[in-house]
Amino acid sequence: MNILVPNLGSTSLKYQLIAMPDEKVLARGRVERVTDYESAIAQIDTGGEPVHAVAFKTVHGGPRYRGTHLIDEGVLAALEEFLPAAPTHNRIYLMGIRAFQRALPGVPLIAAFETEFHATMPEYAARYGIPREWREQYGIRKYGFHGASHEYISRRVPEMLGRPSASLRLISCHLGGSSSICAIQAGRSIDTTMGFSPQSGLENATRHGDLDVFAVLYLMERLGWSLEEARRQLAANGGLAGLSGIPGGDLRDIEAAARDGDREAAIALDVFAYEIKKTIGAYAAAMGGVDAIAFTGGIGENSASLRAACLSGLEFLGIQLDWERNHQGRGDRIISADGSRVHVLVVSTNEELIVARRAYRCLEAAGLVN
């Protein structure tokens, strides 16, 4: 069965066509300058291979949809309901799904929600100190995101280390334009930095990360902001962009500015590294220690200096980086020193493969696999 996995962006569409269960990539590509998804779909080149199903890396479907589901009106309604919590992501996937429904009538569409991997979090890690009815009636809790990436890391790292996942305490650091960290014990997510929305946790490129909600209420009241203006400020002007003053919050630009003596850029890097370091320490405490730390994502894979900054001062945990491996190696690799009690790795994630695996299991369960 050939499963098309489109990764939808606001102006781009990346895709892989994966033959399942063999997991062979038949085609991959990227469509740029997307203005409408129907024209983008027409540009997908499968090399003549048929598409038997389409699987989406959907983001937020609330408490009812925390797994992988055949897309029906219930799934679409949940994406609409939680649109205010993930406005950019849910809007894009709603538009994309509807475009694929029109372009490929009769082809099964599957939603593999990012929150699925984090459904194993214990209740004490997932609950907020909020009124009970908020949680029970409106689904306010920690959901976690980047689930496909963290799940891939949970499988790949044991392979690289030659150890069973059951004995591994792993911290997965997905760092990029959107960043999160996950504590993974025995292959299961037990905590993660993103909570009710992808806005929370670490600073992202333009999204603020963790923030005292009363600071927002204070400014709304003082400046007369509407709800939409507050949302725009938090989603477009915060994060690394807000810390550094560099539009877009691209870490490469921030690192270059810091090297040129820009103090605000240097502080932005310090804040980001500090939050990551603090979280690694907290998750080591949550798991009673740590055996491996993996860096992935555009920043995690490509910024040797940030990896070093994040781990500096954590030697007491048994972490020893190898300078040459960290700065000069390429591809999936171990970058810790030979004597390090904690393995440190760089891993290129493969979210599309995880989505294809989930979708195939869903289709099997529905009796739709020939």
Protein backbone atom coordinates (compact mmCIF):
# COMPACT_ATOMS: atom_id res chain seq x y z
CA MET A 1 0.00 0.00 0.00
CA ASN A 2 1.38 3.41 -1.03
CA ILE A 3 0.77 6.11 1.58
CA LEU A 4 1.35 9.75 0.69
CA VAL A 5 2.49 11.84 3.67
CA PRO A 6 2.24 15.57 2.98
CA ASN A 7 3.93 17.92 5.46
CA LEU A 8 2.00 21.15 5.10
CA GLY A 9 3.50 24.59 5.67
CA SER A 10 1.96 28.01 5.25
CA THR A 11 3.75 28.50 1.90
CA SER A 12 5.20 25.05 1.17
CA LEU A 13 4.24 21.39 0.84
CA LYS A 14 6.81 18.66 1.42
CA TYR A 15 5.84 15.08 0.77
CA GLN A 16 6.95 11.47 0.76
CA LEU A 17 5.23 8.53 -0.89
CA ILE A 18 6.02 5.46 1.21
CA ALA A 19 5.25 1.84 0.29
CA MET A 20 3.97 0.04 3.38
CA PRO A 21 4.69 -2.19 5.15
CA ASP A 22 8.07 -2.34 3.39
CA GLU A 23 8.73 1.32 4.32
CA LYS A 24 10.31 2.01 0.95
CA VAL A 25 10.28 5.66 -0.14
CA LEU A 26 8.93 5.72 -3.69
CA ALA A 27 8.94 9.47 -4.19
CA ARG A 28 9.66 12.64 -2.29
CA GLY A 29 9.58 16.31 -3.12
CA ARG A 30 8.70 19.84 -2.14
CA VAL A 31 6.36 22.42 -3.63
CA GLU A 32 7.26 26.04 -2.86
CA ARG A 33 5.28 29.29 -2.92
CA VAL A 34 2.00 27.57 -2.19
CA THR A 35 -0.96 29.93 -2.46
CA ASP A 36 -3.63 27.24 -2.58
CA TYR A 37 -3.26 23.58 -1.82
CA GLU A 38 -5.21 22.30 -4.82
CA SER A 39 -2.62 23.72 -7.22
CA ALA A 40 0.14 22.38 -4.98
CA ILE A 41 -1.42 18.90 -5.02
CA ALA A 42 -1.40 18.99 -8.81
CA GLN A 43 2.39 19.49 -8.67
CA ILE A 44 3.07 16.40 -6.54
CA ASP A 45 5.18 13.98 -8.57
CA THR A 46 4.78 10.35 -7.49
CA GLY A 47 6.84 9.02 -10.39
CA GLY A 48 3.79 7.26 -11.78
CA GLU A 49 3.15 5.34 -8.56
CA PRO A 50 -0.48 5.23 -7.39
CA VAL A 51 -1.59 6.82 -4.10
CA HIS A 52 -3.70 4.44 -2.01
CA ALA A 53 -4.06 6.66 1.08
CA VAL A 54 -3.00 10.08 2.38
CA ALA A 55 -1.82 10.55 5.97
CA PHE A 56 -1.50 13.93 7.66
CA LYS A 57 0.63 14.95 10.65
CA THR A 58 -2.31 16.78 12.23
CA VAL A 59 -1.66 18.80 15.36
CA HIS A 60 -4.47 19.46 17.85
CA GLY A 61 -7.75 17.54 18.11
CA GLY A 62 -8.28 17.89 21.85
CA PRO A 63 -8.96 15.06 24.32
CA ARG A 64 -11.07 12.93 21.96
CA TYR A 65 -8.51 12.74 19.14
CA ARG A 66 -5.12 11.83 20.59
CA GLY A 67 -4.37 9.00 18.22
CA THR A 68 -4.61 8.10 14.52
CA HIS A 69 -8.03 8.21 12.87
CA LEU A 70 -9.69 7.94 9.50
CA ILE A 71 -10.73 11.50 8.70
CA ASP A 72 -14.45 12.09 8.99
CA GLU A 73 -16.64 15.00 10.05
CA GLY A 74 -15.77 14.36 13.70
CA VAL A 75 -12.06 14.84 13.06
CA LEU A 76 -12.69 18.01 11.08
CA ALA A 77 -14.97 19.34 13.82
CA ALA A 78 -12.27 18.73 16.43
CA LEU A 79 -9.69 20.57 14.33
CA GLU A 80 -12.13 23.47 14.11
CA GLU A 81 -12.90 23.38 17.83
CA PHE A 82 -9.23 23.57 18.82
CA LEU A 83 -8.29 26.06 16.12
CA PRO A 84 -7.87 28.86 18.73
CA ALA A 85 -5.26 26.73 20.56
CA ALA A 86 -3.21 26.00 17.42
CA PRO A 87 -4.37 28.65 14.94
CA THR A 88 -1.59 28.36 12.37
CA HIS A 89 -1.26 24.57 12.38
CA ASN A 90 -4.95 23.60 12.50
CA ARG A 91 -5.89 26.17 9.86
CA ILE A 92 -3.28 24.83 7.45
CA TYR A 93 -4.34 21.21 7.92
CA LEU A 94 -8.03 22.00 7.61
CA MET A 95 -7.38 23.68 4.27
CA GLY A 96 -5.05 20.91 3.13
CA ILE A 97 -7.37 18.06 4.08
CA ARG A 98 -10.30 19.66 2.29
CA ALA A 99 -8.16 20.20 -0.80
CA PHE A 100 -7.09 16.53 -0.82
CA GLN A 101 -10.72 15.44 -0.35
CA ARG A 102 -11.60 17.31 -3.54
CA ALA A 103 -8.51 16.23 -5.46
CA LEU A 104 -8.59 12.52 -4.50
CA PRO A 105 -12.21 11.50 -3.95
CA GLY A 106 -12.54 7.98 -2.60
CA VAL A 107 -8.93 7.82 -1.34
CA PRO A 108 -8.81 7.24 2.45
CA LEU A 109 -7.43 10.19 4.43
CA ILE A 110 -5.90 9.61 7.85
CA ALA A 111 -5.12 12.05 10.67
CA ALA A 112 -2.11 11.07 12.81
CA PHE A 113 -2.31 13.57 15.65
CA GLU A 114 0.91 14.95 17.12
CA THR A 115 -0.49 14.45 20.61
CA GLU A 116 -0.63 10.65 20.31
CA PHE A 117 2.88 9.89 21.55
CA HIS A 118 2.30 11.96 24.70
CA ALA A 119 -0.92 10.19 25.70
CA THR A 120 1.23 8.02 28.00
CA MET A 121 2.10 10.95 30.28
CA PRO A 122 1.00 10.29 33.87
CA GLU A 123 -1.83 12.46 35.12
CA TYR A 124 0.40 14.31 37.57
CA ALA A 125 2.54 15.49 34.65
CA ALA A 126 -0.40 16.43 32.43
CA ARG A 127 -2.68 18.38 34.78
CA TYR A 128 -2.71 22.11 35.38
CA GLY A 129 -3.78 23.78 38.62
CA ILE A 130 -7.00 25.10 37.11
CA PRO A 131 -10.70 24.84 38.01
CA ARG A 132 -11.87 21.27 37.62
CA GLU A 133 -14.57 22.16 35.10
CA TRP A 134 -11.97 23.67 32.75
CA ARG A 135 -10.33 20.26 32.51
CA GLU A 136 -13.48 18.14 32.40
CA GLN A 137 -15.67 20.31 30.17
CA TYR A 138 -13.15 22.03 27.91
CA GLY A 139 -10.16 19.67 27.78
CA ILE A 140 -7.61 22.07 29.26
CA ARG A 141 -4.52 19.98 30.03
CA LYS A 142 -1.03 19.31 28.76
CA TYR A 143 -1.15 17.53 25.40
CA GLY A 144 2.38 17.87 24.01
CA PHE A 145 3.33 18.14 20.35
CA HIS A 146 6.14 17.11 17.95
CA GLY A 147 4.96 13.61 18.80
CA ALA A 148 6.03 12.02 15.51
CA SER A 149 9.56 13.37 15.90
CA HIS A 150 9.92 12.32 19.53
CA GLU A 151 8.50 8.88 18.71
CA TYR A 152 11.05 8.44 15.92
CA ILE A 153 13.86 9.41 18.31
CA SER A 154 12.52 6.91 20.86
CA ARG A 155 12.99 4.14 18.27
CA ARG A 156 16.18 5.32 16.57
CA VAL A 157 18.35 5.97 19.63
CA PRO A 158 18.08 2.40 21.03
CA GLU A 159 19.07 1.12 17.57
CA MET A 160 22.15 3.36 17.52
CA LEU A 161 23.18 2.38 21.04
CA GLY A 162 22.39 -1.32 20.66
CA ARG A 163 20.24 -1.19 23.79
CA PRO A 164 16.61 -2.13 24.40
CA SER A 165 14.33 0.85 24.84
CA ALA A 166 12.92 -0.73 28.00
CA SER A 167 16.12 0.07 29.88
CA LEU A 168 16.69 3.54 28.43
CA ARG A 169 16.04 6.93 30.03
CA LEU A 170 16.16 9.29 27.08
CA ILE A 171 15.75 13.05 26.65
CA SER A 172 14.76 14.04 23.11
CA CYS A 173 15.52 17.66 22.14
CA HIS A 174 13.65 18.69 18.99
CA LEU A 175 15.09 22.15 18.33
CA GLY A 176 14.16 24.24 15.31
CA GLY A 177 11.84 27.03 14.31
CA SER A 178 9.49 25.19 16.66
CA SER A 179 11.13 23.47 19.62
CA SER A 180 10.22 21.03 22.36
CA ILE A 181 11.88 18.54 24.68
CA CYS A 182 10.49 15.17 25.75
CA ALA A 183 11.38 12.83 28.62
CA ILE A 184 11.13 9.27 27.32
CA GLN A 185 11.34 6.34 29.73
CA ALA A 186 11.16 2.77 28.43
CA GLY A 187 10.06 4.13 25.04
CA ARG A 188 7.12 6.11 26.46
CA SER A 189 6.65 9.86 26.82
CA ILE A 190 6.38 10.78 30.49
CA ASP A 191 6.67 14.57 30.14
CA THR A 192 7.21 17.22 27.49
CA THR A 193 7.64 20.97 27.36
CA MET A 194 4.71 21.90 25.11
CA GLY A 195 1.40 21.86 26.92
CA PHE A 196 -2.15 22.81 25.91
CA SER A 197 -0.87 24.57 22.80
CA PRO A 198 2.26 24.66 20.62
CA GLN A 199 2.83 28.18 22.03
CA SER A 200 4.08 26.84 25.34
CA GLY A 201 7.37 25.41 26.57
CA LEU A 202 10.65 26.56 25.04
CA GLU A 203 10.95 29.78 23.08
CA ASN A 204 10.28 29.15 19.39
CA ALA A 205 11.35 31.32 16.46
CA THR A 206 8.46 33.77 16.90
CA ARG A 207 6.25 32.06 19.53
CA HIS A 208 6.79 33.08 23.12
CA GLY A 209 7.12 29.80 25.04
CA ASP A 210 6.22 29.64 28.73
CA LEU A 211 4.79 32.90 30.03
CA ASP A 212 2.83 34.10 33.05
CA VAL A 213 -0.70 34.44 31.65
CA PHE A 214 -1.35 37.46 33.87
CA ALA A 215 1.29 39.42 31.94
CA VAL A 216 -0.90 39.07 28.86
CA LEU A 217 -4.07 40.01 30.73
CA TYR A 218 -2.27 43.05 32.15
CA LEU A 219 -1.28 44.33 28.69
CA MET A 220 -4.69 43.59 27.20
CA GLU A 221 -6.33 45.69 29.87
CA ARG A 222 -3.74 48.46 29.89
CA LEU A 223 -3.41 48.84 26.10
CA GLY A 224 -6.93 47.91 25.11
CA TRP A 225 -5.84 44.98 22.98
CA SER A 226 -8.44 42.75 21.41
CA LEU A 227 -8.12 38.99 21.72
CA GLU A 228 -6.90 38.84 18.12
CA GLU A 229 -4.23 41.50 18.70
CA ALA A 230 -2.93 39.68 21.78
CA ARG A 231 -2.80 36.44 19.77
CA ARG A 232 -0.93 38.17 16.95
CA GLN A 233 1.64 39.68 19.30
CA LEU A 234 2.29 36.36 21.03
CA ALA A 235 2.51 34.28 17.85
CA ALA A 236 4.38 36.66 15.54
CA ASN A 237 6.60 38.88 17.68
CA GLY A 238 7.72 36.66 20.54
CA GLY A 239 10.22 33.85 21.03
CA LEU A 240 13.75 34.20 19.72
CA ALA A 241 12.61 37.09 17.49
CA GLY A 242 11.30 39.00 20.50
CA LEU A 243 14.37 38.24 22.59
CA SER A 244 16.89 39.21 19.93
CA GLY A 245 15.03 41.89 17.98
CA ILE A 246 15.86 39.99 14.78
CA PRO A 247 12.73 39.49 12.62
CA GLY A 248 11.84 35.86 12.02
CA GLY A 249 13.95 34.57 14.91
CA ASP A 250 16.18 32.38 12.70
CA LEU A 251 18.92 31.03 14.96
CA ARG A 252 21.53 31.31 12.20
CA ASP A 253 20.90 35.04 11.96
CA ILE A 254 20.94 35.38 15.75
CA GLU A 255 24.25 33.49 16.06
CA ALA A 256 25.79 35.67 13.33
CA ALA A 257 24.59 38.85 15.06
CA ALA A 258 25.95 37.64 18.40
CA ARG A 259 29.37 36.99 16.82
CA ASP A 260 29.29 40.58 15.54
CA GLY A 261 28.77 41.89 19.06
CA ASP A 262 24.98 42.26 19.19
CA ARG A 263 24.23 42.06 22.93
CA GLU A 264 20.51 41.31 22.56
CA ALA A 265 21.27 38.45 20.17
CA ALA A 266 23.79 37.02 22.64
CA ILE A 267 21.23 37.21 25.45
CA ALA A 268 18.66 35.44 23.26
CA LEU A 269 21.10 32.55 22.79
CA ASP A 270 21.80 32.47 26.53
CA VAL A 271 18.08 32.35 27.35
CA PHE A 272 17.42 29.54 24.87
CA ALA A 273 20.38 27.45 26.04
CA TYR A 274 19.48 28.04 29.69
CA GLU A 275 15.89 26.88 29.22
CA ILE A 276 17.08 23.72 27.45
CA LYS A 277 19.72 23.03 30.11
CA LYS A 278 17.22 23.55 32.92
CA THR A 279 14.74 21.20 31.27
CA ILE A 280 17.34 18.47 30.76
CA GLY A 281 18.13 18.65 34.47
CA ALA A 282 14.45 18.53 35.39
CA TYR A 283 13.75 15.54 33.17
CA ALA A 284 16.78 13.70 34.53
CA ALA A 285 15.25 14.21 37.98
CA ALA A 286 11.82 13.03 36.75
CA MET A 287 13.31 9.77 35.44
CA GLY A 288 15.77 9.18 38.27
CA GLY A 289 18.70 9.77 35.92
CA VAL A 290 19.40 9.91 32.20
CA ASP A 291 21.16 7.48 29.87
CA ALA A 292 21.00 9.38 26.58
CA ILE A 293 20.27 12.84 25.19
CA ALA A 294 19.40 13.23 21.51
CA PHE A 295 19.40 16.46 19.49
CA THR A 296 17.26 16.70 16.38
CA GLY A 297 15.50 19.34 14.26
CA GLY A 298 17.11 22.08 12.18
CA ILE A 299 18.85 23.69 15.15
CA GLY A 300 19.52 20.52 17.10
CA GLU A 301 21.21 18.86 14.14
CA ASN A 302 23.15 21.84 12.81
CA SER A 303 24.27 24.08 15.68
CA ALA A 304 27.27 22.54 17.42
CA SER A 305 27.78 25.68 19.51
CA LEU A 306 24.23 25.59 20.86
CA ARG A 307 24.50 21.88 21.72
CA ALA A 308 27.66 22.62 23.65
CA ALA A 309 26.06 25.58 25.44
CA CYS A 310 23.01 23.52 26.42
CA LEU A 311 25.15 20.81 28.02
CA SER A 312 27.77 23.05 29.62
CA GLY A 313 27.47 22.74 33.39
CA LEU A 314 25.72 19.37 33.26
CA GLU A 315 28.91 17.40 33.75
CA PHE A 316 27.62 16.39 37.20
CA LEU A 317 25.07 14.20 35.41
CA GLY A 318 27.89 12.31 33.71
CA ILE A 319 27.80 14.19 30.41
CA GLN A 320 31.06 14.63 28.52
CA LEU A 321 31.00 15.99 24.96
CA ASP A 322 33.71 15.15 22.46
CA TRP A 323 34.61 18.49 20.81
CA GLU A 324 35.64 17.00 17.46
CA ARG A 325 32.61 14.72 17.17
CA ASN A 326 30.28 17.58 18.07
CA HIS A 327 31.79 20.18 15.73
CA GLN A 328 33.02 18.15 12.76
CA GLY A 329 30.89 15.04 12.36
CA ARG A 330 27.94 14.62 9.99
CA GLY A 331 24.76 12.55 9.98
CA ASP A 332 23.40 10.37 12.78
CA ARG A 333 26.17 9.97 15.29
CA ILE A 334 27.25 9.84 18.92
CA ILE A 335 28.97 13.08 19.96
CA SER A 336 29.77 12.28 23.58
CA ALA A 337 33.25 11.28 24.69
CA ASP A 338 34.06 7.59 25.04
CA GLY A 339 34.09 7.84 28.84
CA SER A 340 30.80 9.74 29.13
CA ARG A 341 28.24 7.99 31.35
CA VAL A 342 25.48 9.67 29.31
CA HIS A 343 25.40 9.15 25.56
CA VAL A 344 24.79 12.32 23.55
CA LEU A 345 23.58 11.86 19.98
CA VAL A 346 22.64 13.85 16.89
CA VAL A 347 19.79 12.22 14.98
CA SER A 348 18.00 13.26 11.82
CA THR A 349 14.31 12.77 12.54
CA ASN A 350 11.84 11.13 10.15
CA GLU A 351 8.34 12.25 11.07
CA GLU A 352 6.87 11.07 7.75
CA LEU A 353 7.88 7.48 8.44
CA ILE A 354 6.16 7.52 11.84
CA VAL A 355 3.01 8.99 10.27
CA ALA A 356 3.04 6.29 7.56
CA ARG A 357 3.41 3.54 10.18
CA ARG A 358 0.53 4.90 12.25
CA ALA A 359 -1.65 5.30 9.17
CA TYR A 360 -0.97 1.75 7.97
CA ARG A 361 -1.98 0.32 11.38
CA CYS A 362 -5.15 2.44 11.29
CA LEU A 363 -6.04 1.23 7.80
CA GLU A 364 -5.35 -2.39 8.80
CA ALA A 365 -7.68 -2.06 11.78
CA ALA A 366 -10.38 -0.65 9.51
CA GLY A 367 -10.00 -3.52 7.06
CA LEU A 368 -8.78 -1.21 4.28
CA VAL A 369 -5.46 -2.96 3.56
CA ASN A 370 -5.60 -5.43 0.67
